[in-house]
Structures are given as C-alpha cells and as structure tokens.
Amino acid sequence: MLDATHFLTHLGLSWILANLWDVSRKDRCLIVLAGILPDFEGITLLWSKETFLSIHRVVGHSLLSGVALSLVLALRADARWVTGALALVSFHLHLVLDLVGTGGLPIQYFWPISRQGWTYPDHWVLASWQNGLVMIVTLLGVLAIAWRRGRTPVECVWPRADRRLVEGARLRAPTRS
C-alpha cells in the first residue's frame, strides 16, 4: 500500500509540474509519464525479488535514461522544447523524492558508466510522517488544479471520465466568489 501512495505522489507532483506551464493535454501527459516511468523497472518483480533488487534504481533511474526518455517524449510533444525540459525536470523530481523518501536504496545515477550508488543519509523511511505530509500537500495541489483549471491526471487515460469527475466535484463544492 505504501508503495502505491509513493507512486501516486510521483504522479501528482509530475502533474503539478506539468500544470505550471500552458501546454497541451498531450504534453501534460508526457511530462507526467516522465515522472512515473523510472519505476517501470518494477516489472522485474514478475521474475523474482532478486532480479528486482539487482535492477531497481539502476537502469530506470540513471541520467542516461532520463535524457533518453526526455528526448523521446519531446519528439512526441506539441511544444517540444518546453515539454522535453519539463520531462527532464519531472524525471529528476522522481529521483529526488526517491532519494529522500524511500528508505535509502541507492540510485545508480551514472549507470552504465559507473555502478556507484547515491543515497541521502537523512532519508525518511517509506512510512514516515514526512512522506505522509508530502502526499497530503501533493493531493491538495492536484485538487487545486482540478478546481481552478478543471482537469485531473485522469485526463491522461480517460478524458471523458476526467470531465465528469471535475463536474461532479464542482457541483458539490461551495461556489467561489
């Protein structure tokens, strides 16, 4: 459960970042993708825990991956330079959150050139009050964007459901003056 909330924090922070600029829906979704794709290496859990532990925070969390991912996403974007730059920031926001908030598992940032792992000595455990606070602030940011701009991260996978979600929430919320 805690890993799921951390994933949602990655998603939410990337969403907030994507909404700080006036970019298209597609570009917002690409920026969010850059913030959650580093954990795609979690699929190795299907093979074994040992495989996962040997690859997690190596390939998907490296500078090479971040640059390659940002370039690929920029090529798919409407606003290539802005989206590519924000994708790279979103990717690194993911890494910072992992370094600080997930119990000290090292990130091999310069893989494949170096296998040296980076850690943050004052990291929080996954079930910490600090991670809880980051999650709450992120949720509030996502809700503020939904209220002000009429969109949520759901627009990336199901735009019609996103509109209904926002409309339903606005019907129940007090009106702004």
Protein backbone atom coordinates (compact mmCIF):
# COMPACT_ATOMS: atom_id res chain seq x y z
CA MET A 1 0.00 0.00 0.00
CA LEU A 2 2.77 2.46 0.86
CA ASP A 3 4.48 1.85 -2.49
CA ALA A 4 1.19 2.72 -4.19
CA THR A 5 0.92 6.01 -2.30
CA HIS A 6 4.52 6.83 -3.23
CA PHE A 7 3.64 6.14 -6.90
CA LEU A 8 0.65 8.45 -6.57
CA THR A 9 2.93 11.12 -5.12
CA HIS A 10 5.24 10.78 -8.14
CA LEU A 11 2.22 11.07 -10.41
CA GLY A 12 0.76 14.03 -8.52
CA LEU A 13 3.99 16.02 -8.33
CA SER A 14 4.59 15.47 -12.04
CA TRP A 15 1.01 16.60 -12.71
CA ILE A 16 1.50 19.77 -10.68
CA LEU A 17 4.74 20.49 -12.55
CA ALA A 18 3.03 19.92 -15.93
CA ASN A 19 0.31 22.40 -15.00
CA LEU A 20 2.71 25.21 -14.14
CA TRP A 21 3.07 25.90 -17.90
CA ASP A 22 0.48 26.37 -20.59
CA VAL A 23 0.97 23.17 -22.59
CA SER A 24 -1.45 20.85 -24.36
CA ARG A 25 -3.16 17.89 -22.72
CA LYS A 26 -0.83 15.57 -24.62
CA ASP A 27 2.24 17.43 -23.37
CA ARG A 28 0.97 17.41 -19.76
CA CYS A 29 0.56 13.66 -20.00
CA LEU A 30 4.06 13.23 -21.45
CA ILE A 31 5.50 15.22 -18.54
CA VAL A 32 3.61 13.02 -16.08
CA LEU A 33 4.89 9.94 -17.89
CA ALA A 34 8.47 11.14 -17.34
CA GLY A 35 7.77 11.33 -13.62
CA ILE A 36 6.41 7.81 -13.27
CA LEU A 37 8.32 5.77 -15.86
CA PRO A 38 11.51 5.40 -13.78
CA ASP A 39 9.60 2.85 -11.69
CA PHE A 40 8.71 0.78 -14.74
CA GLU A 41 11.69 -1.38 -13.85
CA GLY A 42 9.44 -2.67 -11.06
CA ILE A 43 8.06 -5.08 -13.65
CA THR A 44 11.12 -7.22 -12.89
CA LEU A 45 9.29 -8.33 -9.74
CA LEU A 46 7.43 -10.69 -12.07
CA TRP A 47 10.67 -12.61 -12.46
CA SER A 48 11.94 -12.53 -8.89
CA LYS A 49 12.67 -10.28 -5.96
CA GLU A 50 16.40 -10.78 -6.56
CA THR A 51 16.06 -9.57 -10.16
CA PHE A 52 14.09 -6.55 -8.98
CA LEU A 53 16.64 -5.64 -6.30
CA SER A 54 19.52 -6.00 -8.78
CA ILE A 55 17.97 -3.64 -11.35
CA HIS A 56 15.74 -1.29 -9.34
CA ARG A 57 17.14 2.25 -9.24
CA VAL A 58 19.76 1.34 -11.81
CA VAL A 59 18.59 1.50 -15.42
CA GLY A 60 15.36 3.49 -14.98
CA HIS A 61 16.89 5.92 -12.50
CA SER A 62 20.03 6.79 -14.45
CA LEU A 63 20.95 10.04 -16.15
CA LEU A 64 21.11 8.14 -19.45
CA SER A 65 17.50 7.01 -19.01
CA GLY A 66 16.34 10.49 -18.04
CA VAL A 67 17.92 12.14 -21.06
CA ALA A 68 16.77 9.41 -23.47
CA LEU A 69 13.24 9.47 -22.07
CA SER A 70 13.06 13.25 -22.24
CA LEU A 71 14.27 13.26 -25.85
CA VAL A 72 11.74 10.62 -26.92
CA LEU A 73 8.91 12.45 -25.16
CA ALA A 74 10.00 15.78 -26.65
CA LEU A 75 9.80 14.27 -30.14
CA ARG A 76 6.17 13.27 -29.45
CA ALA A 77 5.23 16.63 -27.93
CA ASP A 78 3.43 19.63 -29.36
CA ALA A 79 5.79 22.06 -27.60
CA ARG A 80 8.99 20.07 -27.95
CA TRP A 81 11.50 22.22 -26.07
CA VAL A 82 9.24 23.08 -23.15
CA THR A 83 7.91 19.54 -22.79
CA GLY A 84 11.36 17.97 -23.15
CA ALA A 85 12.77 20.26 -20.46
CA LEU A 86 9.82 19.68 -18.13
CA ALA A 87 10.03 15.93 -18.73
CA LEU A 88 13.66 16.03 -17.60
CA VAL A 89 12.69 18.05 -14.51
CA SER A 90 9.83 15.62 -13.79
CA PHE A 91 12.21 12.67 -14.08
CA HIS A 92 14.63 14.29 -11.64
CA LEU A 93 11.82 15.21 -9.26
CA HIS A 94 11.10 11.48 -9.11
CA LEU A 95 14.74 10.77 -8.26
CA VAL A 96 14.84 13.42 -5.52
CA LEU A 97 11.69 12.00 -3.94
CA ASP A 98 13.19 8.50 -4.09
CA LEU A 99 16.47 9.65 -2.54
CA VAL A 100 14.80 11.50 0.30
CA GLY A 101 11.66 9.49 0.89
CA THR A 102 12.08 5.78 0.34
CA GLY A 103 14.38 4.31 2.90
CA GLY A 104 17.85 4.74 1.43
CA LEU A 105 18.00 2.32 -1.51
CA PRO A 106 20.84 3.76 -3.65
CA ILE A 107 20.31 5.27 -7.09
CA GLN A 108 22.96 4.42 -9.69
CA TYR A 109 22.69 7.74 -11.48
CA PHE A 110 25.70 7.32 -13.77
CA TRP A 111 24.88 3.77 -14.89
CA PRO A 112 26.26 2.24 -17.20
CA ILE A 113 29.47 4.27 -16.78
CA SER A 114 29.55 3.75 -13.01
CA ARG A 115 27.76 1.39 -10.63
CA GLN A 116 28.33 3.72 -7.66
CA GLY A 117 25.08 4.24 -5.80
CA TRP A 118 23.91 7.58 -4.46
CA THR A 119 21.98 7.80 -1.22
CA TYR A 120 20.83 10.54 1.10
CA PRO A 121 21.97 9.85 4.67
CA ASP A 122 18.99 11.61 6.29
CA HIS A 123 16.40 9.79 4.16
CA TRP A 124 12.94 9.07 5.50
CA VAL A 125 11.50 5.61 5.86
CA LEU A 126 8.63 4.93 3.48
CA ALA A 127 6.03 5.01 6.26
CA SER A 128 7.18 8.35 7.69
CA TRP A 129 5.18 11.41 8.65
CA GLN A 130 7.29 13.38 6.15
CA ASN A 131 6.14 11.19 3.26
CA GLY A 132 2.58 11.49 4.56
CA LEU A 133 2.89 15.26 4.55
CA VAL A 134 4.33 15.30 1.00
CA MET A 135 1.43 13.10 -0.12
CA ILE A 136 -1.18 15.39 1.50
CA VAL A 137 0.38 18.56 0.02
CA THR A 138 0.55 16.85 -3.39
CA LEU A 139 -3.11 15.83 -3.16
CA LEU A 140 -4.07 19.39 -2.25
CA GLY A 141 -2.12 20.65 -5.28
CA VAL A 142 -3.88 18.20 -7.60
CA LEU A 143 -7.26 19.22 -6.14
CA ALA A 144 -6.42 22.92 -6.58
CA ILE A 145 -5.63 22.32 -10.25
CA ALA A 146 -8.87 20.37 -10.65
CA TRP A 147 -10.81 23.23 -9.08
CA ARG A 148 -9.11 26.08 -10.94
CA ARG A 149 -8.34 24.51 -14.29
CA GLY A 150 -10.99 21.80 -14.50
CA ARG A 151 -8.67 18.84 -15.02
CA THR A 152 -7.05 15.99 -13.15
CA PRO A 153 -4.41 13.38 -14.07
CA VAL A 154 -7.31 11.16 -15.14
CA GLU A 155 -7.39 13.21 -18.39
CA CYS A 156 -4.27 11.32 -19.49
CA VAL A 157 -6.05 7.98 -19.65
CA TRP A 158 -9.76 8.82 -19.84
CA PRO A 159 -10.64 12.43 -20.75
CA ARG A 160 -14.42 11.93 -20.57
CA ALA A 161 -14.20 10.49 -17.06
CA ASP A 162 -11.95 13.39 -16.09
CA ARG A 163 -14.58 15.93 -17.19
CA ARG A 164 -17.31 14.08 -15.26
CA LEU A 165 -15.12 13.83 -12.19
CA VAL A 166 -14.40 17.56 -12.21
CA GLU A 167 -18.02 18.48 -12.96
CA GLY A 168 -19.26 16.23 -10.15
CA ALA A 169 -16.80 17.72 -7.68
CA ARG A 170 -17.75 21.27 -8.67
CA LEU A 171 -21.45 20.55 -8.16
CA ARG A 172 -20.79 19.52 -4.56
CA ALA A 173 -18.24 22.19 -3.69
CA PRO A 174 -19.20 25.66 -2.46
CA THR A 175 -19.11 28.31 -5.17
CA ARG A 176 -16.19 30.70 -5.33
CA SER A 177 -16.87 34.42 -5.04
